[in-house]
Protein backbone atom coordinates (compact mmCIF):
# COMPACT_ATOMS: atom_id res chain seq x y z
CA MET A 1 18.97 -18.17 -1.64
CA GLU A 2 17.14 -16.24 0.93
CA LEU A 3 19.09 -13.23 -0.26
CA ILE A 4 17.43 -13.70 -4.11
CA VAL A 5 14.45 -14.30 -2.49
CA SER A 6 14.56 -11.43 -0.41
CA LEU A 7 16.00 -9.24 -3.13
CA SER A 8 12.57 -9.85 -5.39
CA PHE A 9 10.72 -8.87 -3.05
CA PHE A 10 12.56 -5.86 -2.64
CA ILE A 11 12.22 -4.65 -6.40
CA LEU A 12 8.98 -5.87 -6.25
CA ALA A 13 8.13 -2.92 -3.33
CA SER A 14 10.15 -0.80 -5.50
CA ILE A 15 7.97 -1.78 -8.63
CA CYS A 16 4.82 -1.19 -7.01
CA ASN A 17 6.30 2.48 -5.60
CA SER A 18 7.02 3.56 -9.36
CA VAL A 19 2.97 2.57 -10.01
CA MET A 20 1.73 4.96 -7.30
CA ASP A 21 4.15 7.70 -8.86
CA THR A 22 3.05 7.11 -11.77
CA SER A 23 -0.27 7.28 -11.77
CA SER A 24 0.24 10.32 -9.18
CA HIS A 25 2.89 12.61 -11.00
CA HIS A 26 2.14 11.08 -13.98
CA TYR A 27 -0.65 9.46 -15.63
CA HIS A 28 -1.17 11.27 -18.87
CA THR A 29 2.33 9.98 -20.44
CA SER A 30 1.95 6.91 -18.94
CA ILE A 31 0.68 3.43 -20.05
CA LEU A 32 -1.79 3.17 -17.02
CA LYS A 33 -3.94 5.67 -19.49
CA LYS A 34 -5.06 3.04 -21.21
CA PHE A 35 -6.45 1.59 -18.12
CA ASN A 36 -9.88 3.56 -15.79
CA PRO A 37 -8.96 7.05 -14.79
CA ASN A 38 -10.88 6.37 -11.82
CA TRP A 39 -8.55 3.17 -10.27
CA TRP A 40 -5.72 4.16 -11.77
CA ASN A 41 -5.39 8.00 -12.56
CA ALA A 42 -4.13 9.95 -8.81
CA GLU A 43 -6.24 12.86 -9.71
CA VAL A 44 -9.09 11.44 -9.46
CA SER A 45 -9.25 8.07 -7.30
CA TRP A 46 -8.22 9.56 -4.32
CA LYS A 47 -12.43 10.24 -3.84
CA ASN A 48 -13.03 6.77 -4.27
CA LYS A 49 -12.96 6.12 -0.82
CA TYR A 50 -16.01 8.43 0.04
CA VAL A 51 -19.42 8.09 0.04
CA ASN A 52 -19.88 9.50 -4.13
CA GLY A 53 -17.21 10.52 -4.29
CA ASP A 54 -17.50 14.02 -1.67
CA PRO A 55 -15.02 14.19 1.44
CA SER A 56 -18.47 16.53 2.90
CA LEU A 57 -20.04 13.19 2.99
CA GLY A 58 -17.90 11.01 4.80
CA PHE A 59 -16.08 7.71 4.28
CA ARG A 60 -17.16 5.16 2.57
CA LYS A 61 -18.93 2.36 4.87
CA ILE A 62 -18.90 -0.57 4.70
CA TRP A 63 -20.64 -1.94 7.83
CA LYS A 64 -22.29 0.69 10.33
CA ASN A 65 -20.02 2.46 11.35
CA ILE A 66 -16.74 0.54 9.86
CA ASN A 67 -15.08 2.54 6.84
CA TYR A 68 -14.13 0.49 3.22
CA PRO A 69 -10.87 -0.48 3.37
CA VAL A 70 -9.40 2.42 1.50
CA GLN A 71 -6.56 0.46 -0.07
CA LEU A 72 -8.92 -0.97 -2.27
CA THR A 73 -10.23 2.52 -3.69
CA ASP A 74 -8.23 3.45 -5.69
CA CYS A 75 -4.54 2.22 -7.84
CA TRP A 76 -2.10 4.21 -5.19
CA HIS A 77 -3.76 1.92 -1.77
CA PHE A 78 -4.07 0.07 -3.73
CA PHE A 79 -0.25 0.03 -3.97
CA LYS A 80 0.94 1.17 -1.35
CA THR A 81 0.02 -0.80 0.99
CA LEU A 82 1.43 -3.99 -1.38
CA MET A 83 4.90 -2.10 -1.29
CA ILE A 84 4.19 -2.26 2.22
CA ILE A 85 3.62 -5.93 2.50
CA PHE A 86 6.64 -6.74 0.02
CA LEU A 87 8.63 -4.28 2.12
CA THR A 88 8.06 -6.40 5.08
CA LEU A 89 8.52 -9.50 2.86
CA SER A 90 12.25 -8.55 1.78
CA VAL A 91 13.24 -7.83 5.96
CA VAL A 92 11.89 -11.18 7.36
CA THR A 93 12.74 -13.24 4.72
CA PHE A 94 16.49 -11.67 4.66
CA ASP A 95 16.99 -14.53 6.88
CA SER A 96 16.55 -17.79 6.54
CA ASP A 97 16.83 -18.71 10.44
CA LEU A 98 13.95 -16.79 10.96
CA ILE A 99 11.95 -18.83 8.12
CA VAL A 100 13.10 -22.26 8.51
CA GLU A 101 12.80 -22.29 12.86
CA SER A 102 10.27 -20.28 13.51
CA TYR A 103 6.56 -20.67 13.04
CA TYR A 104 6.13 -17.26 13.66
CA TYR A 105 7.02 -15.34 10.03
CA LEU A 106 3.55 -14.26 9.60
CA LEU A 107 3.58 -12.85 12.32
CA TYR A 108 6.77 -10.41 11.97
CA VAL A 109 5.06 -10.14 8.45
CA GLY A 110 2.46 -8.52 10.38
CA LEU A 111 4.11 -6.78 13.15
CA TYR A 112 6.49 -5.03 10.38
CA GLY A 113 3.25 -3.64 8.79
CA THR A 114 1.60 -2.88 11.44
CA VAL A 115 4.30 -0.93 12.69
CA TRP A 116 5.29 0.88 9.26
CA ASN A 117 1.49 1.92 9.20
CA VAL A 118 0.43 3.38 13.10
CA VAL A 119 4.77 5.63 12.71
CA PHE A 120 3.20 6.88 9.39
CA SER A 121 0.16 7.91 10.16
CA LEU A 122 1.85 9.05 13.11
CA PHE A 123 3.98 11.51 11.06
CA TYR A 124 1.06 12.22 8.52
CA ASP A 125 -2.40 13.31 10.19
CA LYS A 126 -0.34 14.55 13.83
CA ILE A 127 2.93 15.84 13.53
CA LEU A 128 3.49 17.27 9.96
CA ARG A 129 0.38 18.96 10.80
């Protein structure tokens, strides 16, 4: 049973990744073009995280120095967040003992998601630039 659950989350992660790539590379020939391009077309939606869509004005804020969550600004970042969550759930649900015997289930999901994001940011923002 845990294999089915784990594989289901893995499949959902793959679907999310396909939405990300479609919005980035094939938006104009995809079913996504039926929807609002300001959210679904990665060529333009990436600007949603900036004030008035202008990178020179800085990130949108929800309060004082707190940036608006980029995960909610466009489909690419939203589906990337879901992909990470589903991959994490796939990992931690693979072993049924982890689910049944552990009250730390959500902690593991948070830990794996945080590790993914920290390593990604380290490489994306520092090492590869």
